[in-house]
Amino acid sequence: MALSKVRLGEIAYAYLKSKVRNDGIENFNATEILGRIRTALPERELKEAAVTEQEAIDFVKSLLDELFRDLMIGLGADFGHHDEGKAQA
Protein backbone atom coordinates (compact mmCIF):
# COMPACT_ATOMS: atom_id res chain seq x y z
CA MET A 1 0.00 0.00 0.00
CA ALA A 2 1.40 3.39 -1.00
CA LEU A 3 1.16 6.17 1.55
CA SER A 4 -0.18 9.57 0.55
CA LYS A 5 2.07 12.61 0.84
CA VAL A 6 -0.18 13.87 3.63
CA ARG A 7 0.25 10.64 5.59
CA LEU A 8 4.00 10.64 4.99
CA GLY A 9 4.08 14.20 6.34
CA GLU A 10 2.11 13.18 9.42
CA ILE A 11 4.52 10.33 10.11
CA ALA A 12 7.57 12.54 9.59
CA TYR A 13 6.11 15.22 11.86
CA ALA A 14 5.36 12.70 14.62
CA TYR A 15 8.90 11.32 14.33
CA LEU A 16 10.47 14.78 14.45
CA LYS A 17 8.31 15.78 17.41
CA SER A 18 9.38 12.64 19.28
CA LYS A 19 13.04 13.21 18.41
CA VAL A 20 12.96 16.80 19.65
CA ARG A 21 11.12 15.77 22.81
CA ASN A 22 13.72 13.07 23.52
CA ASP A 23 16.88 14.86 22.34
CA GLY A 24 16.06 18.41 23.42
CA ILE A 25 15.85 21.59 21.39
CA GLU A 26 19.35 23.02 21.71
CA ASN A 27 20.34 24.67 18.44
CA PHE A 28 17.00 23.67 16.93
CA ASN A 29 16.09 26.38 14.48
CA ALA A 30 14.51 26.87 11.09
CA THR A 31 17.75 27.68 9.29
CA GLU A 32 19.34 24.45 10.52
CA ILE A 33 16.29 22.43 9.47
CA LEU A 34 16.21 24.10 6.05
CA GLY A 35 19.91 23.33 5.61
CA ARG A 36 19.34 19.69 6.56
CA ILE A 37 16.41 19.45 4.16
CA ARG A 38 18.55 20.87 1.36
CA THR A 39 21.47 18.49 2.02
CA ALA A 40 19.29 15.42 2.63
CA LEU A 41 17.03 15.66 -0.40
CA PRO A 42 18.20 14.93 -3.92
CA GLU A 43 17.95 17.98 -6.20
CA ARG A 44 14.80 16.68 -7.94
CA GLU A 45 12.99 16.08 -4.65
CA LEU A 46 14.17 19.41 -3.28
CA LYS A 47 12.61 21.18 -6.25
CA GLU A 48 9.39 19.18 -5.78
CA ALA A 49 9.24 20.05 -2.08
CA ALA A 50 10.15 23.71 -2.75
CA VAL A 51 10.65 24.44 0.94
CA THR A 52 11.28 28.12 1.57
CA GLU A 53 13.04 29.57 4.58
CA GLN A 54 9.74 31.09 5.76
CA GLU A 55 8.04 27.69 5.53
CA ALA A 56 10.85 26.16 7.58
CA ILE A 57 10.45 28.93 10.19
CA ASP A 58 6.68 28.40 10.32
CA PHE A 59 7.17 24.63 10.57
CA VAL A 60 9.59 24.96 13.48
CA LYS A 61 7.33 27.51 15.22
CA SER A 62 4.35 25.18 14.89
CA LEU A 63 6.35 22.22 16.20
CA LEU A 64 7.75 24.13 19.17
CA ASP A 65 4.32 25.61 20.00
CA GLU A 66 2.86 22.10 20.06
CA LEU A 67 5.72 20.74 22.19
CA PHE A 68 5.37 23.65 24.63
CA ARG A 69 1.60 23.09 24.86
CA ASP A 70 2.19 19.37 25.52
CA LEU A 71 4.71 20.26 28.23
CA MET A 72 2.35 22.72 29.92
CA ILE A 73 -0.53 20.26 29.82
CA GLY A 74 1.78 17.67 31.35
CA LEU A 75 2.54 20.14 34.13
CA GLY A 76 -1.16 20.72 34.75
CA ALA A 77 -1.66 24.00 32.89
CA ASP A 78 -5.16 24.46 31.53
CA PHE A 79 -4.57 27.25 28.99
CA GLY A 80 -7.20 29.72 30.14
CA HIS A 81 -9.90 27.24 31.04
CA HIS A 82 -9.55 28.06 34.74
CA ASP A 83 -12.66 30.31 34.70
CA GLU A 84 -14.99 27.69 33.24
CA GLY A 85 -17.69 26.62 35.62
CA LYS A 86 -16.96 29.39 38.13
CA ALA A 87 -19.67 31.85 39.10
CA GLN A 88 -19.20 35.40 37.89
CA ALA A 89 -18.55 37.90 40.69
PDB file of N, CA and C in Angstrom:
ATOM      1  N   MET A   1       0.843  -1.171   0.000  1.00  0.00           N
ATOM      2  CA  MET A   1       0.000   0.000   0.000  1.00  0.00           C
ATOM      3  C   MET A   1       0.896   1.245   0.000  1.00  0.00           C
ATOM      4  N   ALA A   2       0.633   2.147  -0.919  1.00  0.00           N
ATOM      5  CA  ALA A   2       1.398   3.394  -0.995  1.00  0.00           C
ATOM      6  C   ALA A   2       0.778   4.429  -0.059  1.00  0.00           C
ATOM      7  N   LEU A   3       1.629   5.128   0.633  1.00  0.00           N
ATOM      8  CA  LEU A   3       1.155   6.167   1.547  1.00  0.00           C
ATOM      9  C   LEU A   3       1.010   7.487   0.792  1.00  0.00           C
ATOM     10  N   SER A   4       0.001   8.258   1.167  1.00  0.00           N
ATOM     11  CA  SER A   4      -0.177   9.572   0.554  1.00  0.00           C
ATOM     12  C   SER A   4       0.881  10.526   1.089  1.00  0.00           C
ATOM     13  N   LYS A   5       1.108  11.614   0.378  1.00  0.00           N
ATOM     14  CA  LYS A   5       2.073  12.606   0.844  1.00  0.00           C
ATOM     15  C   LYS A   5       1.627  13.211   2.175  1.00  0.00           C
ATOM     16  N   VAL A   6       0.325  13.342   2.358  1.00  0.00           N
ATOM     17  CA  VAL A   6      -0.179  13.868   3.629  1.00  0.00           C
ATOM     18  C   VAL A   6       0.170  12.917   4.764  1.00  0.00           C
ATOM     19  N   ARG A   7      -0.046  11.618   4.544  1.00  0.00           N
ATOM     20  CA  ARG A   7       0.249  10.635   5.590  1.00  0.00           C
ATOM     21  C   ARG A   7       1.751  10.556   5.855  1.00  0.00           C
ATOM     22  N   LEU A   8       2.551  10.624   4.800  1.00  0.00           N
ATOM     23  CA  LEU A   8       4.002  10.642   4.990  1.00  0.00           C
ATOM     24  C   LEU A   8       4.410  11.851   5.828  1.00  0.00           C
ATOM     25  N   GLY A   9       3.790  12.990   5.563  1.00  0.00           N
ATOM     26  CA  GLY A   9       4.078  14.197   6.337  1.00  0.00           C
ATOM     27  C   GLY A   9       3.693  14.040   7.797  1.00  0.00           C
ATOM     28  N   GLU A  10       2.546  13.408   8.036  1.00  0.00           N
ATOM     29  CA  GLU A  10       2.110  13.180   9.418  1.00  0.00           C
ATOM     30  C   GLU A  10       3.092  12.278  10.161  1.00  0.00           C
ATOM     31  N   ILE A  11       3.559  11.250   9.486  1.00  0.00           N
ATOM     32  CA  ILE A  11       4.516  10.326  10.107  1.00  0.00           C
ATOM     33  C   ILE A  11       5.835  11.041  10.378  1.00  0.00           C
ATOM     34  N   ALA A  12       6.310  11.807   9.412  1.00  0.00           N
ATOM     35  CA  ALA A  12       7.570  12.536   9.590  1.00  0.00           C
ATOM     36  C   ALA A  12       7.451  13.552  10.723  1.00  0.00           C
ATOM     37  N   TYR A  13       6.316  14.237  10.810  1.00  0.00           N
ATOM     38  CA  TYR A  13       6.105  15.225  11.862  1.00  0.00           C
ATOM     39  C   TYR A  13       6.099  14.555  13.235  1.00  0.00           C
ATOM     40  N   ALA A  14       5.405  13.427  13.342  1.00  0.00           N
ATOM     41  CA  ALA A  14       5.363  12.700  14.621  1.00  0.00           C
ATOM     42  C   ALA A  14       6.761  12.231  15.016  1.00  0.00           C
ATOM     43  N   TYR A  15       7.535  11.756  14.052  1.00  0.00           N
ATOM     44  CA  TYR A  15       8.900  11.317  14.329  1.00  0.00           C
ATOM     45  C   TYR A  15       9.756  12.492  14.799  1.00  0.00           C
ATOM     46  N   LEU A  16       9.684  13.606  14.088  1.00  0.00           N
ATOM     47  CA  LEU A  16      10.475  14.776  14.455  1.00  0.00           C
ATOM     48  C   LEU A  16      10.085  15.293  15.836  1.00  0.00           C
ATOM     49  N   LYS A  17       8.792  15.328  16.100  1.00  0.00           N
ATOM     50  CA  LYS A  17       8.310  15.781  17.411  1.00  0.00           C
ATOM     51  C   LYS A  17       8.863  14.882  18.519  1.00  0.00           C
ATOM     52  N   SER A  18       8.845  13.582  18.299  1.00  0.00           N
ATOM     53  CA  SER A  18       9.378  12.636  19.277  1.00  0.00           C
ATOM     54  C   SER A  18      10.881  12.828  19.451  1.00  0.00           C
ATOM     55  N   LYS A  19      11.587  13.022  18.358  1.00  0.00           N
ATOM     56  CA  LYS A  19      13.038  13.206  18.407  1.00  0.00           C
ATOM     57  C   LYS A  19      13.395  14.468  19.185  1.00  0.00           C
ATOM     58  N   VAL A  20      12.685  15.560  18.926  1.00  0.00           N
ATOM     59  CA  VAL A  20      12.961  16.805  19.648  1.00  0.00           C
ATOM     60  C   VAL A  20      12.628  16.639  21.122  1.00  0.00           C
ATOM     61  N   ARG A  21      11.517  15.979  21.421  1.00  0.00           N
ATOM     62  CA  ARG A  21      11.121  15.768  22.814  1.00  0.00           C
ATOM     63  C   ARG A  21      12.179  14.949  23.553  1.00  0.00           C
ATOM     64  N   ASN A  22      12.736  13.946  22.886  1.00  0.00           N
ATOM     65  CA  ASN A  22      13.723  13.071  23.518  1.00  0.00           C
ATOM     66  C   ASN A  22      15.132  13.650  23.531  1.00  0.00           C
ATOM     67  N   ASP A  23      15.507  14.366  22.480  1.00  0.00           N
ATOM     68  CA  ASP A  23      16.877  14.856  22.342  1.00  0.00           C
ATOM     69  C   ASP A  23      17.058  16.294  22.804  1.00  0.00           C
ATOM     70  N   GLY A  24      15.973  17.011  23.035  1.00  0.00           N
ATOM     71  CA  GLY A  24      16.065  18.413  23.416  1.00  0.00           C
ATOM     72  C   GLY A  24      16.015  19.330  22.206  1.00  0.00           C
ATOM     73  N   ILE A  25      16.011  20.626  22.478  1.00  0.00           N
ATOM     74  CA  ILE A  25      15.851  21.588  21.390  1.00  0.00           C
ATOM     75  C   ILE A  25      17.034  22.527  21.263  1.00  0.00           C
ATOM     76  N   GLU A  26      18.179  22.167  21.849  1.00  0.00           N
ATOM     77  CA  GLU A  26      19.346  23.019  21.707  1.00  0.00           C
ATOM     78  C   GLU A  26      19.693  23.156  20.233  1.00  0.00           C
ATOM     79  N   ASN A  27      19.957  24.377  19.820  1.00  0.00           N
ATOM     80  CA  ASN A  27      20.336  24.673  18.436  1.00  0.00           C
ATOM     81  C   ASN A  27      19.310  24.191  17.422  1.00  0.00           C
ATOM     82  N   PHE A  28      18.066  24.105  17.828  1.00  0.00           N
ATOM     83  CA  PHE A  28      17.001  23.667  16.934  1.00  0.00           C
ATOM     84  C   PHE A  28      16.370  24.913  16.344  1.00  0.00           C
ATOM     85  N   ASN A  29      16.650  25.181  15.086  1.00  0.00           N
ATOM     86  CA  ASN A  29      16.091  26.383  14.479  1.00  0.00           C
ATOM     87  C   ASN A  29      15.762  26.135  13.018  1.00  0.00           C
ATOM     88  N   ALA A  30      15.004  27.047  12.450  1.00  0.00           N
ATOM     89  CA  ALA A  30      14.510  26.873  11.090  1.00  0.00           C
ATOM     90  C   ALA A  30      15.633  26.835  10.074  1.00  0.00           C
ATOM     91  N   THR A  31      16.645  27.648  10.251  1.00  0.00           N
ATOM     92  CA  THR A  31      17.752  27.680   9.290  1.00  0.00           C
ATOM     93  C   THR A  31      18.473  26.340   9.261  1.00  0.00           C
ATOM     94  N   GLU A  32      18.685  25.753  10.438  1.00  0.00           N
ATOM     95  CA  GLU A  32      19.336  24.448  10.516  1.00  0.00           C
ATOM     96  C   GLU A  32      18.483  23.384   9.833  1.00  0.00           C
ATOM     97  N   ILE A  33      17.177  23.416  10.088  1.00  0.00           N
ATOM     98  CA  ILE A  33      16.291  22.431   9.467  1.00  0.00           C
ATOM     99  C   ILE A  33      16.284  22.606   7.955  1.00  0.00           C
ATOM    100  N   LEU A  34      16.203  23.849   7.490  1.00  0.00           N
ATOM    101  CA  LEU A  34      16.212  24.097   6.047  1.00  0.00           C
ATOM    102  C   LEU A  34      17.513  23.594   5.430  1.00  0.00           C
ATOM    103  N   GLY A  35      18.637  23.829   6.096  1.00  0.00           N
ATOM    104  CA  GLY A  35      19.915  23.328   5.605  1.00  0.00           C
ATOM    105  C   GLY A  35      19.943  21.813   5.537  1.00  0.00           C
ATOM    106  N   ARG A  36      19.390  21.162   6.559  1.00  0.00           N
ATOM    107  CA  ARG A  36      19.344  19.693   6.561  1.00  0.00           C
ATOM    108  C   ARG A  36      18.434  19.174   5.459  1.00  0.00           C
ATOM    109  N   ILE A  37      17.317  19.854   5.242  1.00  0.00           N
ATOM    110  CA  ILE A  37      16.415  19.446   4.165  1.00  0.00           C
ATOM    111  C   ILE A  37      17.147  19.546   2.831  1.00  0.00           C
ATOM    112  N   ARG A  38      17.858  20.652   2.639  1.00  0.00           N
ATOM    113  CA  ARG A  38      18.553  20.869   1.363  1.00  0.00           C
ATOM    114  C   ARG A  38      19.682  19.877   1.139  1.00  0.00           C
ATOM    115  N   THR A  39      20.368  19.445   2.205  1.00  0.00           N
ATOM    116  CA  THR A  39      21.465  18.493   2.018  1.00  0.00           C
ATOM    117  C   THR A  39      20.959  17.057   1.964  1.00  0.00           C
ATOM    118  N   ALA A  40      19.801  16.786   2.571  1.00  0.00           N
ATOM    119  CA  ALA A  40      19.287  15.417   2.626  1.00  0.00           C
ATOM    120  C   ALA A  40      18.519  15.026   1.364  1.00  0.00           C
ATOM    121  N   LEU A  41      17.869  15.991   0.748  1.00  0.00           N
ATOM    122  CA  LEU A  41      17.035  15.659  -0.399  1.00  0.00           C
ATOM    123  C   LEU A  41      17.819  15.752  -1.704  1.00  0.00           C
ATOM    124  N   PRO A  42      17.625  14.793  -2.580  1.00  0.00           N
ATOM    125  CA  PRO A  42      18.204  14.933  -3.922  1.00  0.00           C
ATOM    126  C   PRO A  42      17.626  16.179  -4.599  1.00  0.00           C
ATOM    127  N   GLU A  43      18.351  16.730  -5.544  1.00  0.00           N
ATOM    128  CA  GLU A  43      17.955  17.980  -6.204  1.00  0.00           C
ATOM    129  C   GLU A  43      16.519  17.921  -6.741  1.00  0.00           C
ATOM    130  N   ARG A  44      16.146  16.809  -7.374  1.00  0.00           N
ATOM    131  CA  ARG A  44      14.796  16.685  -7.943  1.00  0.00           C
ATOM    132  C   ARG A  44      13.731  16.781  -6.845  1.00  0.00           C
ATOM    133  N   GLU A  45      13.955  16.054  -5.740  1.00  0.00           N
ATOM    134  CA  GLU A  45      12.987  16.076  -4.645  1.00  0.00           C
ATOM    135  C   GLU A  45      12.958  17.431  -3.963  1.00  0.00           C
ATOM    136  N   LEU A  46      14.107  18.079  -3.889  1.00  0.00           N
ATOM    137  CA  LEU A  46      14.166  19.407  -3.284  1.00  0.00           C
ATOM    138  C   LEU A  46      13.320  20.386  -4.089  1.00  0.00           C
ATOM    139  N   LYS A  47      13.416  20.297  -5.404  1.00  0.00           N
ATOM    140  CA  LYS A  47      12.606  21.179  -6.254  1.00  0.00           C
ATOM    141  C   LYS A  47      11.128  20.872  -6.087  1.00  0.00           C
ATOM    142  N   GLU A  48      10.789  19.576  -5.978  1.00  0.00           N
ATOM    143  CA  GLU A  48       9.391  19.181  -5.783  1.00  0.00           C
ATOM    144  C   GLU A  48       8.862  19.693  -4.445  1.00  0.00           C
ATOM    145  N   ALA A  49       9.666  19.603  -3.405  1.00  0.00           N
ATOM    146  CA  ALA A  49       9.239  20.054  -2.080  1.00  0.00           C
ATOM    147  C   ALA A  49       9.178  21.574  -2.019  1.00  0.00           C
ATOM    148  N   ALA A  50      10.106  22.246  -2.681  1.00  0.00           N
ATOM    149  CA  ALA A  50      10.150  23.708  -2.755  1.00  0.00           C
ATOM    150  C   ALA A  50       9.953  24.346  -1.370  1.00  0.00           C
ATOM    151  N   VAL A  51      10.750  23.916  -0.416  1.00  0.00           N
ATOM    152  CA  VAL A  51      10.650  24.437   0.944  1.00  0.00           C
ATOM    153  C   VAL A  51      11.389  25.765   1.014  1.00  0.00           C
ATOM    154  N   THR A  52      10.654  26.812   1.403  1.00  0.00           N
ATOM    155  CA  THR A  52      11.277  28.123   1.565  1.00  0.00           C
ATOM    156  C   THR A  52      11.747  28.300   3.004  1.00  0.00           C
ATOM    157  N   GLU A  53      12.586  29.294   3.216  1.00  0.00           N
ATOM    158  CA  GLU A  53      13.044  29.571   4.578  1.00  0.00           C
ATOM    159  C   GLU A  53      11.872  29.944   5.476  1.00  0.00           C
ATOM    160  N   GLN A  54      10.906  30.715   4.953  1.00  0.00           N
ATOM    161  CA  GLN A  54       9.743  31.092   5.761  1.00  0.00           C
ATOM    162  C   GLN A  54       8.909  29.870   6.137  1.00  0.00           C
ATOM    163  N   GLU A  55       8.770  28.921   5.205  1.00  0.00           N
ATOM    164  CA  GLU A  55       8.041  27.689   5.534  1.00  0.00           C
ATOM    165  C   GLU A  55       8.762  26.906   6.618  1.00  0.00           C
ATOM    166  N   ALA A  56      10.084  26.853   6.550  1.00  0.00           N
ATOM    167  CA  ALA A  56      10.853  26.160   7.579  1.00  0.00           C
ATOM    168  C   ALA A  56      10.660  26.842   8.929  1.00  0.00           C
ATOM    169  N   ILE A  57      10.671  28.170   8.943  1.00  0.00           N
ATOM    170  CA  ILE A  57      10.454  28.926  10.187  1.00  0.00           C
ATOM    171  C   ILE A  57       9.066  28.630  10.734  1.00  0.00           C
ATOM    172  N   ASP A  58       8.052  28.675   9.876  1.00  0.00           N
ATOM    173  CA  ASP A  58       6.677  28.403  10.316  1.00  0.00           C
ATOM    174  C   ASP A  58       6.526  26.972  10.815  1.00  0.00           C
ATOM    175  N   PHE A  59       7.215  26.032  10.156  1.00  0.00           N
ATOM    176  CA  PHE A  59       7.175  24.629  10.568  1.00  0.00           C
ATOM    177  C   PHE A  59       7.756  24.469  11.969  1.00  0.00           C
ATOM    178  N   VAL A  60       8.928  25.060  12.183  1.00  0.00           N
ATOM    179  CA  VAL A  60       9.585  24.962  13.484  1.00  0.00           C
ATOM    180  C   VAL A  60       8.738  25.634  14.557  1.00  0.00           C
ATOM    181  N   LYS A  61       8.179  26.803  14.253  1.00  0.00           N
ATOM    182  CA  LYS A  61       7.327  27.513  15.223  1.00  0.00           C
ATOM    183  C   LYS A  61       6.133  26.644  15.607  1.00  0.00           C
ATOM    184  N   SER A  62       5.495  26.048  14.621  1.00  0.00           N
ATOM    185  CA  SER A  62       4.348  25.181  14.893  1.00  0.00           C
ATOM    186  C   SER A  62       4.748  23.992  15.757  1.00  0.00           C
ATOM    187  N   LEU A  63       5.872  23.371  15.432  1.00  0.00           N
ATOM    188  CA  LEU A  63       6.353  22.222  16.198  1.00  0.00           C
ATOM    189  C   LEU A  63       6.663  22.614  17.637  1.00  0.00           C
ATOM    190  N   LEU A  64       7.384  23.710  17.811  1.00  0.00           N
ATOM    191  CA  LEU A  64       7.752  24.133  19.165  1.00  0.00           C
ATOM    192  C   LEU A  64       6.529  24.576  19.960  1.00  0.00           C
ATOM    193  N   ASP A  65       5.565  25.239  19.320  1.00  0.00           N
ATOM    194  CA  ASP A  65       4.324  25.610  19.999  1.00  0.00           C
ATOM    195  C   ASP A  65       3.604  24.367  20.510  1.00  0.00           C
ATOM    196  N   GLU A  66       3.541  23.337  19.664  1.00  0.00           N
ATOM    197  CA  GLU A  66       2.864  22.104  20.064  1.00  0.00           C
ATOM    198  C   GLU A  66       3.610  21.402  21.197  1.00  0.00           C
ATOM    199  N   LEU A  67       4.935  21.357  21.114  1.00  0.00           N
ATOM    200  CA  LEU A  67       5.721  20.739  22.185  1.00  0.00           C
ATOM    201  C   LEU A  67       5.563  21.502  23.501  1.00  0.00           C
ATOM    202  N   PHE A  68       5.554  22.830  23.424  1.00  0.00           N
ATOM    203  CA  PHE A  68       5.367  23.646  24.628  1.00  0.00           C
ATOM    204  C   PHE A  68       3.987  23.403  25.227  1.00  0.00           C
ATOM    205  N   ARG A  69       2.966  23.348  24.379  1.00  0.00           N
ATOM    206  CA  ARG A  69       1.600  23.090  24.859  1.00  0.00           C
ATOM    207  C   ARG A  69       1.536  21.720  25.538  1.00  0.00           C
ATOM    208  N   ASP A  70       2.163  20.705  24.918  1.00  0.00           N
ATOM    209  CA  ASP A  70       2.195  19.369  25.524  1.00  0.00           C
ATOM    210  C   ASP A  70       2.884  19.396  26.885  1.00  0.00           C
ATOM    211  N   LEU A  71       3.978  20.141  26.975  1.00  0.00           N
ATOM    212  CA  LEU A  71       4.714  20.260  28.231  1.00  0.00           C
ATOM    213  C   LEU A  71       3.850  20.917  29.303  1.00  0.00           C
ATOM    214  N   MET A  72       3.185  22.007  28.949  1.00  0.00           N
ATOM    215  CA  MET A  72       2.353  22.724  29.918  1.00  0.00           C
ATOM    216  C   MET A  72       1.170  21.872  30.375  1.00  0.00           C
ATOM    217  N   ILE A  73       0.573  21.150  29.446  1.00  0.00           N
ATOM    218  CA  ILE A  73      -0.531  20.256  29.818  1.00  0.00           C
ATOM    219  C   ILE A  73      -0.017  19.180  30.764  1.00  0.00           C
ATOM    220  N   GLY A  74       1.178  18.666  30.470  1.00  0.00           N
ATOM    221  CA  GLY A  74       1.784  17.672  31.346  1.00  0.00           C
ATOM    222  C   GLY A  74       2.064  18.204  32.740  1.00  0.00           C
ATOM    223  N   LEU A  75       2.294  19.513  32.839  1.00  0.00           N
ATOM    224  CA  LEU A  75       2.544  20.141  34.135  1.00  0.00           C
ATOM    225  C   LEU A  75       1.256  20.607  34.812  1.00  0.00           C
ATOM    226  N   GLY A  76       0.124  20.378  34.150  1.00  0.00           N
ATOM    227  CA  GLY A  76      -1.157  20.720  34.749  1.00  0.00           C
ATOM    228  C   GLY A  76      -1.725  22.058  34.328  1.00  0.00           C
ATOM    229  N   ALA A  77      -1.126  22.726  33.374  1.00  0.00           N
ATOM    230  CA  ALA A  77      -1.662  24.004  32.893  1.00  0.00           C
ATOM    231  C   ALA A  77      -2.944  23.733  32.119  1.00  0.00           C
ATOM    232  N   ASP A  78      -3.889  24.674  32.219  1.00  0.00           N
ATOM    233  CA  ASP A  78      -5.161  24.456  31.533  1.00  0.00           C
ATOM    234  C   ASP A  78      -5.441  25.481  30.441  1.00  0.00           C
ATOM    235  N   PHE A  79      -4.486  26.328  30.103  1.00  0.00           N
ATOM    236  CA  PHE A  79      -4.575  27.254  28.988  1.00  0.00           C
ATOM    237  C   PHE A  79      -5.844  28.099  28.982  1.00  0.00           C
ATOM    238  N   GLY A  80      -6.108  28.765  30.087  1.00  0.00           N
ATOM    239  CA  GLY A  80      -7.200  29.721  30.138  1.00  0.00           C
ATOM    240  C   GLY A  80      -8.547  29.133  30.457  1.00  0.00           C
ATOM    241  N   HIS A  81      -8.616  27.866  30.740  1.00  0.00           N
ATOM    242  CA  HIS A  81      -9.900  27.243  31.040  1.00  0.00           C
ATOM    243  C   HIS A  81     -10.216  27.297  32.534  1.00  0.00           C
ATOM    244  N   HIS A  82      -9.395  28.042  33.294  1.00  0.00           N
ATOM    245  CA  HIS A  82      -9.554  28.063  34.740  1.00  0.00           C
ATOM    246  C   HIS A  82     -10.822  28.787  35.185  1.00  0.00           C
ATOM    247  N   ASP A  83     -11.439  29.589  34.318  1.00  0.00           N
ATOM    248  CA  ASP A  83     -12.658  30.311  34.704  1.00  0.00           C
ATOM    249  C   ASP A  83     -13.922  29.529  34.369  1.00  0.00           C
ATOM    250  N   GLU A  84     -13.812  28.446  33.616  1.00  0.00           N
ATOM    251  CA  GLU A  84     -14.986  27.687  33.239  1.00  0.00           C
ATOM    252  C   GLU A  84     -15.643  27.098  34.486  1.00  0.00           C
ATOM    253  N   GLY A  85     -16.943  27.210  34.534  1.00  0.00           N
ATOM    254  CA  GLY A  85     -17.687  26.625  35.617  1.00  0.00           C
ATOM    255  C   GLY A  85     -17.705  27.435  36.893  1.00  0.00           C
ATOM    256  N   LYS A  86     -16.969  28.547  36.940  1.00  0.00           N
ATOM    257  CA  LYS A  86     -16.962  29.391  38.128  1.00  0.00           C
ATOM    258  C   LYS A  86     -18.036  30.460  37.996  1.00  0.00           C
ATOM    259  N   ALA A  87     -18.634  30.803  39.096  1.00  0.00           N
ATOM    260  CA  ALA A  87     -19.673  31.847  39.100  1.00  0.00           C
ATOM    261  C   ALA A  87     -19.025  33.199  38.877  1.00  0.00           C
ATOM    262  N   GLN A  88     -19.684  34.037  38.121  1.00  0.00           N
ATOM    263  CA  GLN A  88     -19.197  35.403  37.892  1.00  0.00           C
ATOM    264  C   GLN A  88     -19.422  36.227  39.147  1.00  0.00           C
ATOM    265  N   ALA A  89     -18.443  37.060  39.492  1.00  0.00           N
ATOM    266  CA  ALA A  89     -18.555  37.902  40.688  1.00  0.00           C
ATOM    267  C   ALA A  89     -19.366  39.129  40.409  1.00  0.00           C
TER     268      ALA A  89
END
